[in-house]
Amino acid sequence: MVQVEFTPQALEDFAQLDSGIANRIAAKIQWFSEHYDHIQPETLTGRFAGLYKLRIGDWRVLYTIDLTESIMTVHVIAHRSKVYK
């Protein structure tokens, strides 16, 4: 299991979501943190190198993982049409 932390930007993104989407994203992040050992993270390239993505329908969560500390840091939560711009 990994501990989850949010950057100020991610907290702001999360606060702007409607409750249904926010609940789905929170549940997926919780599930991910509990099952991280069994998951192959999806890496990003280009200007997003070093980040990973978590897909929740049309929404994306961009995060980093510090395996030495077992910490997942969520950096951005956005719709797929806007997250990479």
PDB file of N, CA and C in Angstrom:
ATOM      1  N   MET A   1       0.851  -1.189   0.000  1.00  0.00           N
ATOM      2  CA  MET A   1       0.000   0.000   0.000  1.00  0.00           C
ATOM      3  C   MET A   1       0.886   1.239   0.000  1.00  0.00           C
ATOM      4  N   VAL A   2       0.455   2.237  -0.736  1.00  0.00           N
ATOM      5  CA  VAL A   2       1.176   3.502  -0.747  1.00  0.00           C
ATOM      6  C   VAL A   2       0.308   4.579  -0.106  1.00  0.00           C
ATOM      7  N   GLN A   3       0.967   5.539   0.504  1.00  0.00           N
ATOM      8  CA  GLN A   3       0.289   6.697   1.085  1.00  0.00           C
ATOM      9  C   GLN A   3       0.032   7.688  -0.042  1.00  0.00           C
ATOM     10  N   VAL A   4      -1.092   8.382  -0.014  1.00  0.00           N
ATOM     11  CA  VAL A   4      -1.446   9.336  -1.060  1.00  0.00           C
ATOM     12  C   VAL A   4      -1.345  10.752  -0.519  1.00  0.00           C
ATOM     13  N   GLU A   5      -0.660  11.603  -1.272  1.00  0.00           N
ATOM     14  CA  GLU A   5      -0.580  13.030  -0.960  1.00  0.00           C
ATOM     15  C   GLU A   5      -1.044  13.809  -2.184  1.00  0.00           C
ATOM     16  N   PHE A   6      -1.564  15.005  -1.955  1.00  0.00           N
ATOM     17  CA  PHE A   6      -2.045  15.860  -3.032  1.00  0.00           C
ATOM     18  C   PHE A   6      -1.277  17.173  -3.025  1.00  0.00           C
ATOM     19  N   THR A   7      -0.893  17.639  -4.203  1.00  0.00           N
ATOM     20  CA  THR A   7      -0.308  18.971  -4.315  1.00  0.00           C
ATOM     21  C   THR A   7      -1.440  19.989  -4.180  1.00  0.00           C
ATOM     22  N   PRO A   8      -1.121  21.252  -3.922  1.00  0.00           N
ATOM     23  CA  PRO A   8      -2.170  22.274  -3.879  1.00  0.00           C
ATOM     24  C   PRO A   8      -2.980  22.329  -5.179  1.00  0.00           C
ATOM     25  N   GLN A   9      -2.321  22.160  -6.321  1.00  0.00           N
ATOM     26  CA  GLN A   9      -3.029  22.167  -7.610  1.00  0.00           C
ATOM     27  C   GLN A   9      -4.027  21.014  -7.686  1.00  0.00           C
ATOM     28  N   ALA A  10      -3.621  19.836  -7.252  1.00  0.00           N
ATOM     29  CA  ALA A  10      -4.512  18.677  -7.291  1.00  0.00           C
ATOM     30  C   ALA A  10      -5.707  18.874  -6.360  1.00  0.00           C
ATOM     31  N   LEU A  11      -5.483  19.455  -5.198  1.00  0.00           N
ATOM     32  CA  LEU A  11      -6.592  19.732  -4.280  1.00  0.00           C
ATOM     33  C   LEU A  11      -7.570  20.726  -4.891  1.00  0.00           C
ATOM     34  N   GLU A  12      -7.039  21.725  -5.573  1.00  0.00           N
ATOM     35  CA  GLU A  12      -7.892  22.708  -6.252  1.00  0.00           C
ATOM     36  C   GLU A  12      -8.689  22.033  -7.365  1.00  0.00           C
ATOM     37  N   ASP A  13      -8.017  21.201  -8.152  1.00  0.00           N
ATOM     38  CA  ASP A  13      -8.701  20.464  -9.222  1.00  0.00           C
ATOM     39  C   ASP A  13      -9.822  19.607  -8.646  1.00  0.00           C
ATOM     40  N   PHE A  14      -9.528  18.896  -7.569  1.00  0.00           N
ATOM     41  CA  PHE A  14     -10.501  17.995  -6.949  1.00  0.00           C
ATOM     42  C   PHE A  14     -11.710  18.768  -6.423  1.00  0.00           C
ATOM     43  N   ALA A  15     -11.468  19.917  -5.831  1.00  0.00           N
ATOM     44  CA  ALA A  15     -12.551  20.724  -5.256  1.00  0.00           C
ATOM     45  C   ALA A  15     -13.516  21.235  -6.319  1.00  0.00           C
ATOM     46  N   GLN A  16     -13.054  21.359  -7.550  1.00  0.00           N
ATOM     47  CA  GLN A  16     -13.889  21.890  -8.625  1.00  0.00           C
ATOM     48  C   GLN A  16     -14.738  20.821  -9.318  1.00  0.00           C
ATOM     49  N   LEU A  17     -14.539  19.560  -8.986  1.00  0.00           N
ATOM     50  CA  LEU A  17     -15.290  18.478  -9.619  1.00  0.00           C
ATOM     51  C   LEU A  17     -16.680  18.362  -9.021  1.00  0.00           C
ATOM     52  N   ASP A  18     -17.639  17.884  -9.844  1.00  0.00           N
ATOM     53  CA  ASP A  18     -18.944  17.611  -9.255  1.00  0.00           C
ATOM     54  C   ASP A  18     -18.819  16.360  -8.387  1.00  0.00           C
ATOM     55  N   SER A  19     -19.743  16.177  -7.484  1.00  0.00           N
ATOM     56  CA  SER A  19     -19.593  15.142  -6.456  1.00  0.00           C
ATOM     57  C   SER A  19     -19.519  13.732  -7.029  1.00  0.00           C
ATOM     58  N   GLY A  20     -20.248  13.454  -8.092  1.00  0.00           N
ATOM     59  CA  GLY A  20     -20.213  12.116  -8.687  1.00  0.00           C
ATOM     60  C   GLY A  20     -18.845  11.766  -9.229  1.00  0.00           C
ATOM     61  N   ILE A  21     -18.257  12.685  -9.980  1.00  0.00           N
ATOM     62  CA  ILE A  21     -16.916  12.479 -10.541  1.00  0.00           C
ATOM     63  C   ILE A  21     -15.892  12.420  -9.407  1.00  0.00           C
ATOM     64  N   ALA A  22     -16.017  13.320  -8.445  1.00  0.00           N
ATOM     65  CA  ALA A  22     -15.074  13.353  -7.321  1.00  0.00           C
ATOM     66  C   ALA A  22     -15.088  12.024  -6.562  1.00  0.00           C
ATOM     67  N   ASN A  23     -16.273  11.464  -6.345  1.00  0.00           N
ATOM     68  CA  ASN A  23     -16.372  10.179  -5.643  1.00  0.00           C
ATOM     69  C   ASN A  23     -15.718   9.053  -6.433  1.00  0.00           C
ATOM     70  N   ARG A  24     -15.936   9.041  -7.755  1.00  0.00           N
ATOM     71  CA  ARG A  24     -15.314   8.012  -8.601  1.00  0.00           C
ATOM     72  C   ARG A  24     -13.794   8.119  -8.556  1.00  0.00           C
ATOM     73  N   ILE A  25     -13.290   9.338  -8.644  1.00  0.00           N
ATOM     74  CA  ILE A  25     -11.841   9.546  -8.637  1.00  0.00           C
ATOM     75  C   ILE A  25     -11.255   9.179  -7.276  1.00  0.00           C
ATOM     76  N   ALA A  26     -11.911   9.592  -6.205  1.00  0.00           N
ATOM     77  CA  ALA A  26     -11.425   9.257  -4.858  1.00  0.00           C
ATOM     78  C   ALA A  26     -11.397   7.742  -4.652  1.00  0.00           C
ATOM     79  N   ALA A  27     -12.437   7.057  -5.114  1.00  0.00           N
ATOM     80  CA  ALA A  27     -12.491   5.600  -4.971  1.00  0.00           C
ATOM     81  C   ALA A  27     -11.379   4.929  -5.771  1.00  0.00           C
ATOM     82  N   LYS A  28     -11.115   5.418  -6.970  1.00  0.00           N
ATOM     83  CA  LYS A  28     -10.060   4.833  -7.806  1.00  0.00           C
ATOM     84  C   LYS A  28      -8.684   5.077  -7.193  1.00  0.00           C
ATOM     85  N   ILE A  29      -8.447   6.275  -6.680  1.00  0.00           N
ATOM     86  CA  ILE A  29      -7.164   6.561  -6.031  1.00  0.00           C
ATOM     87  C   ILE A  29      -6.986   5.670  -4.803  1.00  0.00           C
ATOM     88  N   GLN A  30      -8.034   5.495  -4.026  1.00  0.00           N
ATOM     89  CA  GLN A  30      -7.974   4.616  -2.853  1.00  0.00           C
ATOM     90  C   GLN A  30      -7.665   3.182  -3.277  1.00  0.00           C
ATOM     91  N   TRP A  31      -8.384   2.686  -4.281  1.00  0.00           N
ATOM     92  CA  TRP A  31      -8.143   1.330  -4.783  1.00  0.00           C
ATOM     93  C   TRP A  31      -6.707   1.192  -5.279  1.00  0.00           C
ATOM     94  N   PHE A  32      -6.265   2.178  -6.036  1.00  0.00           N
ATOM     95  CA  PHE A  32      -4.910   2.162  -6.586  1.00  0.00           C
ATOM     96  C   PHE A  32      -3.870   2.104  -5.468  1.00  0.00           C
ATOM     97  N   SER A  33      -4.059   2.894  -4.426  1.00  0.00           N
ATOM     98  CA  SER A  33      -3.088   2.920  -3.324  1.00  0.00           C
ATOM     99  C   SER A  33      -3.014   1.574  -2.611  1.00  0.00           C
ATOM    100  N   GLU A  34      -4.121   0.853  -2.565  1.00  0.00           N
ATOM    101  CA  GLU A  34      -4.156  -0.446  -1.897  1.00  0.00           C
ATOM    102  C   GLU A  34      -3.605  -1.577  -2.765  1.00  0.00           C
ATOM    103  N   HIS A  35      -3.635  -1.403  -4.085  1.00  0.00           N
ATOM    104  CA  HIS A  35      -3.237  -2.468  -5.008  1.00  0.00           C
ATOM    105  C   HIS A  35      -2.019  -2.108  -5.846  1.00  0.00           C
ATOM    106  N   TYR A  36      -1.282  -1.110  -5.444  1.00  0.00           N
ATOM    107  CA  TYR A  36      -0.175  -0.629  -6.268  1.00  0.00           C
ATOM    108  C   TYR A  36       0.841  -1.719  -6.597  1.00  0.00           C
ATOM    109  N   ASP A  37       1.084  -2.624  -5.682  1.00  0.00           N
ATOM    110  CA  ASP A  37       2.081  -3.679  -5.905  1.00  0.00           C
ATOM    111  C   ASP A  37       1.737  -4.587  -7.078  1.00  0.00           C
ATOM    112  N   HIS A  38       0.478  -4.609  -7.490  1.00  0.00           N
ATOM    113  CA  HIS A  38       0.026  -5.506  -8.553  1.00  0.00           C
ATOM    114  C   HIS A  38      -0.278  -4.771  -9.857  1.00  0.00           C
ATOM    115  N   ILE A  39       0.101  -3.512  -9.951  1.00  0.00           N
ATOM    116  CA  ILE A  39      -0.265  -2.682 -11.101  1.00  0.00           C
ATOM    117  C   ILE A  39       0.986  -2.216 -11.826  1.00  0.00           C
ATOM    118  N   GLN A  40       0.897  -2.188 -13.148  1.00  0.00           N
ATOM    119  CA  GLN A  40       1.963  -1.618 -13.972  1.00  0.00           C
ATOM    120  C   GLN A  40       1.557  -0.175 -14.291  1.00  0.00           C
ATOM    121  N   PRO A  41       2.222   0.827 -13.717  1.00  0.00           N
ATOM    122  CA  PRO A  41       1.826   2.218 -13.959  1.00  0.00           C
ATOM    123  C   PRO A  41       2.013   2.618 -15.421  1.00  0.00           C
ATOM    124  N   GLU A  42       1.142   3.514 -15.893  1.00  0.00           N
ATOM    125  CA  GLU A  42       1.235   4.024 -17.259  1.00  0.00           C
ATOM    126  C   GLU A  42       2.097   5.279 -17.246  1.00  0.00           C
ATOM    127  N   THR A  43       3.287   5.176 -17.822  1.00  0.00           N
ATOM    128  CA  THR A  43       4.216   6.306 -17.831  1.00  0.00           C
ATOM    129  C   THR A  43       3.866   7.292 -18.934  1.00  0.00           C
ATOM    130  N   LEU A  44       4.213   8.527 -18.706  1.00  0.00           N
ATOM    131  CA  LEU A  44       4.026   9.572 -19.703  1.00  0.00           C
ATOM    132  C   LEU A  44       5.384   9.952 -20.281  1.00  0.00           C
ATOM    133  N   THR A  45       5.360  10.588 -21.438  1.00  0.00           N
ATOM    134  CA  THR A  45       6.596  10.974 -22.115  1.00  0.00           C
ATOM    135  C   THR A  45       6.570  12.466 -22.420  1.00  0.00           C
ATOM    136  N   GLY A  46       7.624  12.926 -23.081  1.00  0.00           N
ATOM    137  CA  GLY A  46       7.701  14.332 -23.472  1.00  0.00           C
ATOM    138  C   GLY A  46       7.787  15.240 -22.269  1.00  0.00           C
ATOM    139  N   ARG A  47       7.022  16.301 -22.307  1.00  0.00           N
ATOM    140  CA  ARG A  47       7.092  17.270 -21.203  1.00  0.00           C
ATOM    141  C   ARG A  47       6.500  16.731 -19.895  1.00  0.00           C
ATOM    142  N   PHE A  48       5.831  15.591 -19.984  1.00  0.00           N
ATOM    143  CA  PHE A  48       5.264  14.963 -18.790  1.00  0.00           C
ATOM    144  C   PHE A  48       6.101  13.781 -18.306  1.00  0.00           C
ATOM    145  N   ALA A  49       7.315  13.658 -18.825  1.00  0.00           N
ATOM    146  CA  ALA A  49       8.197  12.563 -18.413  1.00  0.00           C
ATOM    147  C   ALA A  49       8.400  12.621 -16.899  1.00  0.00           C
ATOM    148  N   GLY A  50       8.389  11.470 -16.281  1.00  0.00           N
ATOM    149  CA  GLY A  50       8.523  11.398 -14.827  1.00  0.00           C
ATOM    150  C   GLY A  50       7.188  11.289 -14.115  1.00  0.00           C
ATOM    151  N   LEU A  51       6.102  11.547 -14.851  1.00  0.00           N
ATOM    152  CA  LEU A  51       4.759  11.424 -14.290  1.00  0.00           C
ATOM    153  C   LEU A  51       4.106  10.152 -14.811  1.00  0.00           C
ATOM    154  N   TYR A  52       3.129   9.695 -14.082  1.00  0.00           N
ATOM    155  CA  TYR A  52       2.315   8.555 -14.480  1.00  0.00           C
ATOM    156  C   TYR A  52       0.872   9.014 -14.559  1.00  0.00           C
ATOM    157  N   LYS A  53       0.047   8.244 -15.282  1.00  0.00           N
ATOM    158  CA  LYS A  53      -1.364   8.607 -15.373  1.00  0.00           C
ATOM    159  C   LYS A  53      -2.237   7.492 -14.853  1.00  0.00           C
ATOM    160  N   LEU A  54      -3.334   7.891 -14.286  1.00  0.00           N
ATOM    161  CA  LEU A  54      -4.380   6.992 -13.838  1.00  0.00           C
ATOM    162  C   LEU A  54      -5.636   7.418 -14.579  1.00  0.00           C
ATOM    163  N   ARG A  55      -6.271   6.477 -15.268  1.00  0.00           N
ATOM    164  CA  ARG A  55      -7.462   6.796 -16.059  1.00  0.00           C
ATOM    165  C   ARG A  55      -8.718   6.427 -15.290  1.00  0.00           C
ATOM    166  N   ILE A  56      -9.643   7.372 -15.232  1.00  0.00           N
ATOM    167  CA  ILE A  56     -10.948   7.145 -14.628  1.00  0.00           C
ATOM    168  C   ILE A  56     -11.961   7.679 -15.625  1.00  0.00           C
ATOM    169  N   GLY A  57     -12.437   6.830 -16.525  1.00  0.00           N
ATOM    170  CA  GLY A  57     -13.325   7.283 -17.594  1.00  0.00           C
ATOM    171  C   GLY A  57     -12.616   8.315 -18.445  1.00  0.00           C
ATOM    172  N   ASP A  58     -13.224   9.489 -18.596  1.00  0.00           N
ATOM    173  CA  ASP A  58     -12.632  10.577 -19.381  1.00  0.00           C
ATOM    174  C   ASP A  58     -11.726  11.472 -18.546  1.00  0.00           C
ATOM    175  N   TRP A  59     -11.483  11.111 -17.314  1.00  0.00           N
ATOM    176  CA  TRP A  59     -10.664  11.916 -16.409  1.00  0.00           C
ATOM    177  C   TRP A  59      -9.293  11.287 -16.226  1.00  0.00           C
ATOM    178  N   ARG A  60      -8.295  12.136 -15.978  1.00  0.00           N
ATOM    179  CA  ARG A  60      -6.933  11.666 -15.770  1.00  0.00           C
ATOM    180  C   ARG A  60      -6.391  12.231 -14.463  1.00  0.00           C
ATOM    181  N   VAL A  61      -5.657  11.394 -13.770  1.00  0.00           N
ATOM    182  CA  VAL A  61      -4.934  11.786 -12.566  1.00  0.00           C
ATOM    183  C   VAL A  61      -3.458  11.615 -12.887  1.00  0.00           C
ATOM    184  N   LEU A  62      -2.692  12.694 -12.830  1.00  0.00           N
ATOM    185  CA  LEU A  62      -1.255  12.624 -13.068  1.00  0.00           C
ATOM    186  C   LEU A  62      -0.559  12.612 -11.714  1.00  0.00           C
ATOM    187  N   TYR A  63       0.362  11.664 -11.555  1.00  0.00           N
ATOM    188  CA  TYR A  63       0.982  11.470 -10.248  1.00  0.00           C
ATOM    189  C   TYR A  63       2.430  11.022 -10.386  1.00  0.00           C
ATOM    190  N   THR A  64       3.139  11.088  -9.282  1.00  0.00           N
ATOM    191  CA  THR A  64       4.473  10.511  -9.166  1.00  0.00           C
ATOM    192  C   THR A  64       4.440   9.507  -8.020  1.00  0.00           C
ATOM    193  N   ILE A  65       5.418   8.614  -8.041  1.00  0.00           N
ATOM    194  CA  ILE A  65       5.537   7.610  -6.980  1.00  0.00           C
ATOM    195  C   ILE A  65       6.949   7.650  -6.422  1.00  0.00           C
ATOM    196  N   ASP A  66       7.052   7.707  -5.117  1.00  0.00           N
ATOM    197  CA  ASP A  66       8.338   7.572  -4.435  1.00  0.00           C
ATOM    198  C   ASP A  66       8.308   6.205  -3.749  1.00  0.00           C
ATOM    199  N   LEU A  67       8.921   5.220  -4.387  1.00  0.00           N
ATOM    200  CA  LEU A  67       8.858   3.857  -3.861  1.00  0.00           C
ATOM    201  C   LEU A  67       9.660   3.675  -2.580  1.00  0.00           C
ATOM    202  N   THR A  68      10.694   4.486  -2.384  1.00  0.00           N
ATOM    203  CA  THR A  68      11.472   4.354  -1.152  1.00  0.00           C
ATOM    204  C   THR A  68      10.657   4.776   0.065  1.00  0.00           C
ATOM    205  N   GLU A  69       9.778   5.746  -0.125  1.00  0.00           N
ATOM    206  CA  GLU A  69       8.922   6.232   0.966  1.00  0.00           C
ATOM    207  C   GLU A  69       7.496   5.690   0.870  1.00  0.00           C
ATOM    208  N   SER A  70       7.171   4.989  -0.229  1.00  0.00           N
ATOM    209  CA  SER A  70       5.814   4.478  -0.491  1.00  0.00           C
ATOM    210  C   SER A  70       4.785   5.601  -0.473  1.00  0.00           C
ATOM    211  N   ILE A  71       5.078   6.651  -1.259  1.00  0.00           N
ATOM    212  CA  ILE A  71       4.186   7.805  -1.339  1.00  0.00           C
ATOM    213  C   ILE A  71       3.808   8.061  -2.792  1.00  0.00           C
ATOM    214  N   MET A  72       2.512   8.167  -3.040  1.00  0.00           N
ATOM    215  CA  MET A  72       1.977   8.581  -4.333  1.00  0.00           C
ATOM    216  C   MET A  72       1.588  10.043  -4.180  1.00  0.00           C
ATOM    217  N   THR A  73       2.148  10.908  -5.023  1.00  0.00           N
ATOM    218  CA  THR A  73       1.796  12.324  -4.982  1.00  0.00           C
ATOM    219  C   THR A  73       0.965  12.654  -6.209  1.00  0.00           C
ATOM    220  N   VAL A  74      -0.276  13.063  -5.994  1.00  0.00           N
ATOM    221  CA  VAL A  74      -1.169  13.454  -7.084  1.00  0.00           C
ATOM    222  C   VAL A  74      -0.877  14.911  -7.415  1.00  0.00           C
ATOM    223  N   HIS A  75      -0.583  15.174  -8.695  1.00  0.00           N
ATOM    224  CA  HIS A  75      -0.223  16.521  -9.132  1.00  0.00           C
ATOM    225  C   HIS A  75      -1.362  17.237  -9.845  1.00  0.00           C
ATOM    226  N   VAL A  76      -2.102  16.518 -10.685  1.00  0.00           N
ATOM    227  CA  VAL A  76      -3.152  17.130 -11.504  1.00  0.00           C
ATOM    228  C   VAL A  76      -4.317  16.163 -11.622  1.00  0.00           C
ATOM    229  N   ILE A  77      -5.529  16.704 -11.591  1.00  0.00           N
ATOM    230  CA  ILE A  77      -6.744  15.948 -11.890  1.00  0.00           C
ATOM    231  C   ILE A  77      -7.501  16.777 -12.915  1.00  0.00           C
ATOM    232  N   ALA A  78      -7.697  16.227 -14.115  1.00  0.00           N
ATOM    233  CA  ALA A  78      -8.349  17.007 -15.169  1.00  0.00           C
ATOM    234  C   ALA A  78      -8.998  16.089 -16.196  1.00  0.00           C
ATOM    235  N   HIS A  79      -9.912  16.674 -16.965  1.00  0.00           N
ATOM    236  CA  HIS A  79     -10.534  15.953 -18.072  1.00  0.00           C
ATOM    237  C   HIS A  79      -9.474  15.656 -19.119  1.00  0.00           C
ATOM    238  N   ARG A  80      -9.614  14.547 -19.805  1.00  0.00           N
ATOM    239  CA  ARG A  80      -8.593  14.134 -20.778  1.00  0.00           C
ATOM    240  C   ARG A  80      -8.400  15.146 -21.896  1.00  0.00           C
ATOM    241  N   SER A  81      -9.426  15.940 -22.195  1.00  0.00           N
ATOM    242  CA  SER A  81      -9.304  16.937 -23.265  1.00  0.00           C
ATOM    243  C   SER A  81      -8.453  18.136 -22.846  1.00  0.00           C
ATOM    244  N   LYS A  82      -8.206  18.283 -21.543  1.00  0.00           N
ATOM    245  CA  LYS A  82      -7.467  19.448 -21.050  1.00  0.00           C
ATOM    246  C   LYS A  82      -6.173  19.109 -20.325  1.00  0.00           C
ATOM    247  N   VAL A  83      -6.032  17.887 -19.876  1.00  0.00           N
ATOM    248  CA  VAL A  83      -4.928  17.545 -18.975  1.00  0.00           C
ATOM    249  C   VAL A  83      -3.557  17.683 -19.620  1.00  0.00           C
ATOM    250  N   TYR A  84      -3.441  17.446 -20.917  1.00  0.00           N
ATOM    251  CA  TYR A  84      -2.127  17.460 -21.560  1.00  0.00           C
ATOM    252  C   TYR A  84      -1.809  18.781 -22.245  1.00  0.00           C
ATOM    253  N   LYS A  85      -2.637  19.792 -22.041  1.00  0.00           N
ATOM    254  CA  LYS A  85      -2.414  21.096 -22.692  1.00  0.00           C
ATOM    255  C   LYS A  85      -1.681  22.041 -21.787  1.00  0.00           C
TER     256      LYS A  85
END
